[in-house]
N, C-alpha and C. Protein backbone atom coordinates (compact mmCIF):
# COMPACT_ATOMS: atom_id res chain seq x y z
N MET A 1 -114.07 26.40 -24.36
CA MET A 1 -112.17 25.26 -24.06
C MET A 1 -111.41 26.58 -24.35
N VAL A 2 -110.25 26.67 -23.87
CA VAL A 2 -109.42 27.60 -24.15
C VAL A 2 -108.36 26.84 -24.70
N ARG A 3 -107.70 26.42 -25.73
CA ARG A 3 -106.63 26.07 -26.40
C ARG A 3 -105.18 26.49 -26.36
N THR A 4 -104.68 26.06 -25.56
CA THR A 4 -103.38 26.39 -25.16
C THR A 4 -102.18 26.16 -26.83
N PRO A 5 -101.89 26.93 -27.06
CA PRO A 5 -101.12 26.63 -28.46
C PRO A 5 -99.60 25.49 -28.25
N SER A 6 -99.86 24.99 -28.74
CA SER A 6 -98.27 23.64 -28.62
C SER A 6 -96.86 24.64 -28.53
N PRO A 7 -96.27 24.13 -27.76
CA PRO A 7 -94.99 24.54 -27.60
C PRO A 7 -94.10 24.21 -28.99
N ALA A 8 -93.10 25.18 -29.41
CA ALA A 8 -92.05 25.29 -29.87
C ALA A 8 -91.50 23.52 -30.08
N ALA A 9 -91.51 23.04 -31.25
CA ALA A 9 -90.90 21.65 -31.54
C ALA A 9 -89.12 21.76 -31.07
N LEU A 10 -88.39 21.38 -30.39
CA LEU A 10 -86.87 21.42 -30.49
C LEU A 10 -86.28 21.83 -31.39
N THR A 11 -86.70 20.89 -32.73
CA THR A 11 -86.09 21.32 -34.07
C THR A 11 -86.67 23.07 -34.18
N ASP A 12 -87.23 23.72 -33.94
CA ASP A 12 -87.77 25.22 -34.47
C ASP A 12 -86.41 25.97 -34.38
N HIS A 13 -85.95 25.67 -33.64
CA HIS A 13 -84.71 26.83 -32.41
C HIS A 13 -83.74 26.38 -33.16
N LEU A 14 -82.64 27.20 -33.38
CA LEU A 14 -81.77 27.65 -33.96
C LEU A 14 -80.36 26.81 -32.87
N GLY A 15 -80.70 27.06 -31.78
CA GLY A 15 -79.88 26.24 -30.27
C GLY A 15 -79.42 25.12 -30.65
N TYR A 16 -81.05 24.33 -30.53
CA TYR A 16 -81.02 23.01 -31.36
C TYR A 16 -79.81 22.82 -32.19
N TRP A 17 -80.17 22.86 -33.38
CA TRP A 17 -78.87 22.72 -34.65
C TRP A 17 -77.68 22.51 -34.05
N LEU A 18 -77.22 24.17 -33.37
CA LEU A 18 -76.10 24.37 -33.62
C LEU A 18 -75.33 23.41 -32.13
N ARG A 19 -76.69 23.06 -31.43
CA ARG A 19 -75.86 21.80 -30.47
C ARG A 19 -75.85 20.24 -30.71
N LEU A 20 -76.72 20.48 -31.67
CA LEU A 20 -76.85 19.18 -32.60
C LEU A 20 -75.50 19.11 -33.39
N VAL A 21 -74.69 20.00 -33.80
CA VAL A 21 -73.19 20.00 -35.01
C VAL A 21 -72.08 19.84 -33.68
N SER A 22 -72.35 21.04 -32.95
CA SER A 22 -71.23 21.47 -31.84
C SER A 22 -71.17 19.64 -30.89
N ASN A 23 -72.20 19.33 -31.19
CA ASN A 23 -71.38 17.44 -30.11
C ASN A 23 -70.92 16.58 -31.34
N HIS A 24 -71.36 16.45 -32.46
CA HIS A 24 -70.68 16.37 -33.31
C HIS A 24 -69.53 16.45 -34.12
N VAL A 25 -69.32 17.49 -33.68
CA VAL A 25 -68.10 17.80 -34.33
C VAL A 25 -66.22 17.14 -32.55
N SER A 26 -67.45 18.17 -31.91
CA SER A 26 -66.80 17.40 -30.59
C SER A 26 -66.15 16.09 -30.10
N ALA A 27 -67.44 15.25 -30.40
CA ALA A 27 -66.85 13.72 -30.25
C ALA A 27 -66.54 13.29 -31.33
N ALA A 28 -66.41 13.82 -33.05
CA ALA A 28 -65.44 12.67 -33.33
C ALA A 28 -63.57 13.24 -33.55
N PHE A 29 -63.62 14.75 -32.80
CA PHE A 29 -62.74 15.61 -32.22
C PHE A 29 -61.89 14.76 -31.43
N ALA A 30 -62.52 14.17 -30.23
CA ALA A 30 -62.60 13.80 -29.51
C ALA A 30 -62.28 12.00 -29.78
N ARG A 31 -62.70 11.81 -30.26
CA ARG A 31 -62.41 10.16 -31.16
C ARG A 31 -60.95 10.50 -31.96
N ARG A 32 -60.29 11.59 -32.20
CA ARG A 32 -59.26 11.33 -33.21
C ARG A 32 -59.14 11.50 -32.10
N LEU A 33 -58.32 12.17 -30.82
CA LEU A 33 -57.70 12.47 -30.14
C LEU A 33 -56.81 11.39 -29.11
N ASP A 34 -58.70 11.17 -29.50
CA ASP A 34 -58.33 9.45 -28.08
C ASP A 34 -56.76 8.72 -28.79
N GLY A 35 -56.73 8.17 -30.45
CA GLY A 35 -55.64 7.56 -30.19
C GLY A 35 -54.44 8.36 -30.30
N GLN A 36 -54.10 9.51 -29.85
CA GLN A 36 -53.15 10.35 -29.55
C GLN A 36 -52.74 9.55 -27.61
N GLY A 37 -53.62 10.16 -26.79
CA GLY A 37 -53.44 9.73 -25.50
C GLY A 37 -53.55 10.62 -25.54
N VAL A 38 -54.72 11.85 -25.34
CA VAL A 38 -54.74 13.04 -24.64
C VAL A 38 -56.56 13.18 -24.90
N THR A 39 -56.82 14.23 -24.20
CA THR A 39 -58.34 14.72 -24.15
C THR A 39 -58.39 15.82 -24.75
N VAL A 40 -59.86 16.56 -25.58
CA VAL A 40 -59.83 17.59 -26.13
C VAL A 40 -58.98 18.85 -24.83
N ALA A 41 -59.79 18.82 -24.17
CA ALA A 41 -59.32 19.53 -22.48
C ALA A 41 -57.74 19.73 -22.54
N GLU A 42 -57.25 18.66 -22.36
CA GLU A 42 -55.51 18.93 -22.90
C GLU A 42 -54.91 19.63 -23.53
N TRP A 43 -55.77 18.95 -25.07
CA TRP A 43 -55.18 19.26 -26.33
C TRP A 43 -55.54 21.47 -25.94
N VAL A 44 -56.05 21.65 -25.73
CA VAL A 44 -56.23 23.07 -25.38
C VAL A 44 -55.69 23.65 -24.55
N VAL A 45 -55.34 22.74 -23.65
CA VAL A 45 -54.29 23.67 -22.83
C VAL A 45 -52.55 23.02 -23.43
N LEU A 46 -52.34 22.38 -24.34
CA LEU A 46 -51.58 22.20 -25.10
C LEU A 46 -50.88 23.42 -26.11
N ARG A 47 -52.34 23.69 -26.64
CA ARG A 47 -52.38 24.21 -27.46
C ARG A 47 -52.29 26.14 -27.27
N GLU A 48 -52.58 25.98 -26.16
CA GLU A 48 -52.20 27.41 -25.40
C GLU A 48 -50.97 28.12 -25.02
N LEU A 49 -49.97 26.99 -24.81
CA LEU A 49 -48.98 27.05 -24.14
C LEU A 49 -48.21 26.88 -25.24
N HIS A 50 -48.48 26.40 -26.88
CA HIS A 50 -48.03 26.50 -27.65
C HIS A 50 -47.15 27.66 -28.07
N ASP A 51 -47.65 29.12 -28.07
CA ASP A 51 -47.38 29.69 -28.53
C ASP A 51 -46.12 31.13 -27.34
N VAL A 52 -46.52 30.09 -26.69
CA VAL A 52 -45.56 31.16 -25.24
C VAL A 52 -44.78 30.17 -24.85
N ALA A 53 -43.70 30.89 -24.29
CA ALA A 53 -42.32 30.69 -23.02
C ALA A 53 -42.98 29.38 -22.08
N SER A 54 -44.02 29.98 -21.49
CA SER A 54 -45.09 29.32 -20.59
C SER A 54 -45.60 30.78 -19.83
N ARG A 55 -46.82 30.11 -18.83
CA ARG A 55 -47.95 30.82 -18.66
C ARG A 55 -48.70 30.43 -17.48
N PRO A 56 -48.53 30.70 -16.84
CA PRO A 56 -49.64 31.07 -15.15
C PRO A 56 -50.67 29.67 -15.32
N PRO A 57 -51.22 29.43 -14.30
CA PRO A 57 -52.25 27.82 -14.69
C PRO A 57 -53.02 28.91 -14.33
N SER A 58 -53.40 29.70 -13.55
CA SER A 58 -53.65 30.97 -13.51
C SER A 58 -54.58 31.27 -14.71
N HIS A 59 -53.84 32.26 -15.70
CA HIS A 59 -53.96 32.50 -16.73
C HIS A 59 -54.68 31.54 -17.46
N LEU A 60 -54.53 30.29 -17.58
CA LEU A 60 -55.12 29.33 -18.36
C LEU A 60 -56.71 29.27 -17.83
N ALA A 61 -56.88 28.75 -16.27
CA ALA A 61 -57.97 28.81 -16.16
C ALA A 61 -58.52 29.74 -16.25
N ASP A 62 -58.43 31.06 -16.01
CA ASP A 62 -58.96 32.48 -16.79
C ASP A 62 -59.66 31.82 -18.04
N ARG A 63 -59.33 32.11 -19.06
CA ARG A 63 -58.82 31.66 -20.85
C ARG A 63 -59.79 30.43 -21.04
N MET A 64 -60.13 29.44 -20.31
CA MET A 64 -60.90 28.20 -20.26
C MET A 64 -62.06 28.13 -19.96
N GLY A 65 -62.40 28.92 -18.42
CA GLY A 65 -64.08 28.71 -17.79
C GLY A 65 -63.71 28.13 -16.90
N MET A 66 -62.54 27.83 -16.93
CA MET A 66 -62.29 26.60 -15.68
C MET A 66 -61.75 27.13 -13.73
N THR A 67 -62.51 26.29 -13.26
CA THR A 67 -61.63 26.24 -11.88
C THR A 67 -59.79 25.97 -12.08
N ARG A 68 -59.48 26.14 -10.31
CA ARG A 68 -58.04 26.36 -10.67
C ARG A 68 -57.67 24.82 -10.73
N GLY A 69 -58.54 24.24 -9.53
CA GLY A 69 -58.61 23.02 -9.11
C GLY A 69 -59.03 22.25 -10.76
N ALA A 70 -59.42 22.35 -11.63
CA ALA A 70 -59.58 21.52 -12.67
C ALA A 70 -58.34 21.64 -13.79
N ILE A 71 -57.98 23.30 -13.31
CA ILE A 71 -56.36 23.28 -14.51
C ILE A 71 -55.43 22.55 -13.93
N SER A 72 -55.62 22.55 -12.66
CA SER A 72 -54.13 21.86 -11.65
C SER A 72 -54.52 21.00 -12.51
N LYS A 73 -54.96 20.03 -11.94
CA LYS A 73 -55.35 17.89 -12.49
C LYS A 73 -55.14 17.52 -13.73
N LEU A 74 -55.88 18.96 -14.52
CA LEU A 74 -55.34 19.11 -16.34
C LEU A 74 -54.10 18.98 -16.33
N ALA A 75 -53.15 20.09 -15.29
CA ALA A 75 -51.66 20.53 -15.87
C ALA A 75 -50.94 19.05 -14.89
N ASP A 76 -51.37 18.41 -13.76
CA ASP A 76 -51.12 16.90 -13.68
C ASP A 76 -51.05 16.16 -14.26
N ARG A 77 -51.84 15.73 -15.12
CA ARG A 77 -52.04 15.03 -16.17
C ARG A 77 -51.21 15.04 -17.66
N LEU A 78 -50.83 16.42 -18.01
CA LEU A 78 -50.46 16.84 -18.68
C LEU A 78 -48.39 16.78 -18.41
N VAL A 79 -48.12 17.18 -17.13
CA VAL A 79 -47.13 16.45 -16.56
C VAL A 79 -46.54 14.92 -16.36
N ALA A 80 -47.72 14.12 -15.96
CA ALA A 80 -47.24 13.01 -15.23
C ALA A 80 -47.74 12.41 -17.14
N LYS A 81 -47.80 12.62 -17.65
CA LYS A 81 -47.65 12.26 -19.94
C LYS A 81 -46.23 13.12 -20.18
N ARG A 82 -45.51 13.65 -19.63
CA ARG A 82 -44.46 14.34 -19.92
C ARG A 82 -45.24 15.27 -21.09
N LEU A 83 -45.69 15.66 -21.55
CA LEU A 83 -46.34 16.90 -22.36
C LEU A 83 -45.76 18.80 -22.38
N ALA A 84 -45.69 18.58 -21.08
CA ALA A 84 -45.68 19.45 -19.94
C ALA A 84 -44.72 19.64 -18.42
N SER A 85 -44.38 21.10 -18.68
CA SER A 85 -43.83 20.31 -17.25
C SER A 85 -44.57 22.15 -16.26
N ARG A 86 -43.33 21.90 -15.00
CA ARG A 86 -43.94 23.10 -14.06
C ARG A 86 -42.48 23.65 -13.52
N HIS A 87 -42.64 25.06 -13.58
CA HIS A 87 -41.57 25.70 -12.96
C HIS A 87 -42.08 27.31 -12.01
N ALA A 88 -41.50 26.55 -10.99
CA ALA A 88 -41.85 28.02 -9.96
C ALA A 88 -41.71 29.46 -10.28
N ASN A 89 -41.78 30.70 -10.14
CA ASN A 89 -41.47 31.50 -10.37
C ASN A 89 -40.53 31.99 -9.34
N PRO A 90 -39.83 32.06 -10.08
CA PRO A 90 -38.21 33.11 -8.74
C PRO A 90 -38.53 34.19 -7.88
N GLU A 91 -39.55 34.78 -8.17
CA GLU A 91 -39.99 36.16 -7.68
C GLU A 91 -41.24 35.50 -6.32
N ASP A 92 -41.30 34.67 -6.44
CA ASP A 92 -42.81 34.21 -5.44
C ASP A 92 -42.66 32.22 -5.80
N GLY A 93 -42.06 32.46 -4.81
CA GLY A 93 -41.92 30.83 -4.69
C GLY A 93 -43.24 29.79 -4.28
N ARG A 94 -44.55 30.67 -4.27
CA ARG A 94 -45.86 29.91 -4.23
C ARG A 94 -46.69 29.43 -5.48
N ALA A 95 -46.34 30.87 -6.35
CA ALA A 95 -46.48 30.59 -7.67
C ALA A 95 -45.86 29.67 -8.40
N HIS A 96 -46.07 29.43 -9.68
CA HIS A 96 -45.88 28.82 -11.06
C HIS A 96 -46.08 28.90 -12.01
N SER A 97 -45.69 28.29 -13.61
CA SER A 97 -45.90 28.48 -14.96
C SER A 97 -46.09 26.80 -15.35
N LEU A 98 -46.42 27.14 -16.45
CA LEU A 98 -46.94 25.63 -17.60
C LEU A 98 -46.25 25.76 -18.20
N ALA A 99 -44.87 24.98 -19.30
CA ALA A 99 -44.67 24.99 -20.17
C ALA A 99 -44.28 23.82 -21.08
N LEU A 100 -44.43 23.67 -22.40
CA LEU A 100 -44.13 22.58 -23.14
C LEU A 100 -43.03 22.03 -22.90
N THR A 101 -42.86 20.71 -22.83
CA THR A 101 -41.72 20.21 -22.89
C THR A 101 -41.57 19.73 -24.25
N PRO A 102 -40.09 19.16 -24.87
CA PRO A 102 -40.13 19.35 -25.99
C PRO A 102 -40.75 18.12 -26.59
N GLU A 103 -41.34 17.61 -26.23
CA GLU A 103 -42.42 16.28 -26.62
C GLU A 103 -43.89 17.14 -26.95
N GLY A 104 -44.23 17.60 -25.96
CA GLY A 104 -45.89 18.06 -26.00
C GLY A 104 -45.59 19.15 -27.38
N ARG A 105 -43.82 20.01 -27.59
CA ARG A 105 -44.27 20.42 -28.55
C ARG A 105 -44.11 20.33 -29.75
N ARG A 106 -43.86 19.26 -29.83
CA ARG A 106 -43.57 18.17 -31.53
C ARG A 106 -45.59 17.93 -31.29
N LEU A 107 -46.03 17.38 -30.44
CA LEU A 107 -47.26 16.90 -30.42
C LEU A 107 -48.46 17.75 -30.99
N VAL A 108 -48.06 19.02 -30.86
CA VAL A 108 -49.20 20.07 -31.03
C VAL A 108 -49.55 20.39 -32.54
N PRO A 109 -48.13 20.33 -33.12
CA PRO A 109 -48.63 20.45 -34.64
C PRO A 109 -49.45 18.99 -34.93
N ARG A 110 -49.11 17.76 -34.77
CA ARG A 110 -49.78 16.91 -35.20
C ARG A 110 -51.51 16.50 -34.86
N LEU A 111 -51.57 16.83 -33.29
CA LEU A 111 -52.95 16.79 -33.33
C LEU A 111 -53.68 18.64 -33.86
N ALA A 112 -52.57 19.36 -34.40
CA ALA A 112 -53.34 20.56 -34.65
C ALA A 112 -53.70 20.05 -36.58
N ARG A 113 -53.27 19.03 -36.91
CA ARG A 113 -53.70 18.45 -38.55
C ARG A 113 -54.94 17.68 -37.60
N LEU A 114 -55.00 16.70 -36.88
CA LEU A 114 -56.00 16.57 -36.49
C LEU A 114 -57.26 17.24 -36.46
N ALA A 115 -57.24 18.18 -35.86
CA ALA A 115 -58.40 19.37 -35.76
C ALA A 115 -58.48 20.12 -37.38
N ASP A 116 -57.59 19.89 -37.97
CA ASP A 116 -57.59 20.55 -39.14
C ASP A 116 -58.03 19.62 -40.27
N ALA A 117 -58.31 18.41 -40.51
CA ALA A 117 -59.28 17.20 -40.61
C ALA A 117 -60.37 16.78 -40.22
N ASN A 118 -60.46 17.52 -38.75
CA ASN A 118 -61.70 16.97 -38.58
C ASN A 118 -62.86 18.18 -39.14
N ASP A 119 -62.13 19.05 -38.88
CA ASP A 119 -63.11 20.24 -39.57
C ASP A 119 -63.55 19.75 -41.27
N ALA A 120 -62.38 19.66 -41.62
CA ALA A 120 -62.54 19.02 -42.95
C ALA A 120 -64.03 18.30 -43.10
N ALA A 121 -63.25 17.41 -42.57
CA ALA A 121 -64.61 15.95 -42.73
C ALA A 121 -66.05 16.23 -42.28
N ILE A 122 -66.37 17.64 -41.38
CA ILE A 122 -67.35 17.99 -40.93
C ILE A 122 -67.86 18.74 -41.73
N PHE A 123 -67.15 20.00 -41.88
CA PHE A 123 -67.82 21.17 -42.70
C PHE A 123 -67.53 21.20 -44.32
N GLY A 124 -66.68 20.19 -45.19
CA GLY A 124 -66.65 20.25 -45.96
C GLY A 124 -67.38 19.75 -47.16
N CYS A 125 -68.43 20.06 -46.70
CA CYS A 125 -69.95 19.74 -47.52
C CYS A 125 -70.43 21.27 -48.01
N LEU A 126 -69.94 21.68 -47.40
CA LEU A 126 -70.06 23.40 -47.11
C LEU A 126 -68.82 24.31 -47.73
N SER A 127 -69.98 24.83 -49.17
CA SER A 127 -68.64 25.99 -49.83
C SER A 127 -67.71 26.72 -49.30
N ALA A 128 -67.05 27.18 -49.84
CA ALA A 128 -65.44 28.24 -49.27
C ALA A 128 -66.86 29.55 -48.89
N GLN A 129 -68.16 29.98 -49.50
CA GLN A 129 -68.97 30.77 -49.21
C GLN A 129 -69.77 30.92 -48.04
N GLU A 130 -70.55 29.73 -47.84
CA GLU A 130 -71.17 29.24 -46.96
C GLU A 130 -70.32 29.42 -45.61
N ARG A 131 -69.14 28.58 -45.55
CA ARG A 131 -68.30 28.57 -44.26
C ARG A 131 -67.57 29.45 -43.98
N ALA A 132 -67.73 30.86 -44.87
CA ALA A 132 -67.48 31.64 -44.34
C ALA A 132 -67.97 32.74 -44.05
N GLY A 133 -69.85 32.58 -44.50
CA GLY A 133 -71.01 32.47 -43.72
C GLY A 133 -71.22 32.68 -42.62
N VAL A 134 -71.09 31.59 -42.33
CA VAL A 134 -71.39 30.53 -41.11
C VAL A 134 -70.46 30.81 -39.56
N GLU A 135 -69.03 31.23 -40.28
CA GLU A 135 -68.04 31.48 -39.40
C GLU A 135 -67.97 32.97 -38.71
N ALA A 136 -68.48 34.00 -40.09
CA ALA A 136 -69.34 34.87 -39.52
C ALA A 136 -70.46 35.91 -38.75
N ALA A 137 -71.21 34.86 -39.08
CA ALA A 137 -72.79 34.57 -38.40
C ALA A 137 -72.03 34.16 -36.40
N LEU A 138 -71.11 33.45 -36.32
CA LEU A 138 -70.67 32.78 -34.55
C LEU A 138 -70.05 33.79 -34.61
N ARG A 139 -69.17 34.26 -35.31
CA ARG A 139 -67.86 35.29 -34.54
C ARG A 139 -69.00 36.73 -34.43
N LYS A 140 -69.97 36.54 -34.95
CA LYS A 140 -70.59 38.24 -34.66
C LYS A 140 -71.31 38.11 -33.24
N ILE A 141 -71.86 36.34 -33.46
CA ILE A 141 -72.76 36.42 -31.96
C ILE A 141 -72.14 36.30 -30.49
N VAL A 142 -70.32 35.30 -30.96
CA VAL A 142 -69.57 35.87 -29.78
C VAL A 142 -69.26 37.14 -29.66
N ALA A 143 -69.04 37.89 -30.86
CA ALA A 143 -68.64 39.34 -29.68
C ALA A 143 -69.89 39.93 -29.27
N ALA A 144 -71.08 39.93 -30.37
CA ALA A 144 -72.44 40.73 -29.22
C ALA A 144 -72.53 40.30 -27.95
N HIS A 145 -72.13 39.12 -27.00
CA HIS A 145 -72.44 38.23 -26.39
C HIS A 145 -70.94 38.47 -24.97
N ASP A 146 -69.84 39.45 -25.57
CA ASP A 146 -68.86 39.12 -24.80
C ASP A 146 -68.40 37.37 -23.98
N LEU A 147 -68.30 36.36 -25.66
CA LEU A 147 -67.90 35.55 -25.02
C LEU A 147 -66.84 35.16 -25.11
N THR A 148 -66.03 34.76 -24.17
CA THR A 148 -64.62 34.57 -23.96
C THR A 148 -63.94 33.19 -23.76
N THR A 149 -65.26 32.62 -22.88
CA THR A 149 -64.22 31.42 -22.58
C THR A 149 -64.37 30.30 -23.68
N MET A 150 -62.71 30.12 -23.88
CA MET A 150 -62.69 28.67 -24.92
C MET A 150 -64.07 27.46 -24.23
N PRO A 151 -63.79 27.18 -25.66
CA PRO A 151 -64.91 25.64 -25.52
C PRO A 151 -63.39 24.21 -25.13
N THR A 152 -64.01 23.38 -24.12
CA THR A 152 -63.25 22.11 -23.85
C THR A 152 -63.39 20.89 -23.73
N GLU A 153 -64.44 20.81 -24.11
CA GLU A 153 -65.19 19.88 -24.48
C GLU A 153 -66.27 19.60 -25.78
């Protein structure tokens, strides 16, 4: 009788460990943001708008790897929360751009500090050298596979 080798255990795969850490990092950050009244996806949009005067939703959709409809719903929520505003394109009345409101602009640095605290809480067990090595390895993988969409979950 021929024995079939046992399949590799989940923990034999580097992807398992990456997903485990990623899920934990994301869930911890989502909990931190929950107290601020925004989701992780909303935070990503806010951060993307922070360094520019305005940006078309289509650009955000491409950057975040989301559909135009999903970005539209995110934009609706941010506008309803008075964190972003829509502005019509003067050259094309059908097109519009999103911009942060003053309230949204003030919120981004506070949320960024929460992101920093989340990183420190989770990755603080690594030395500076270990952390730099993990980041370098991940950046190498991103470059090798031309990964361009932003994580939003």
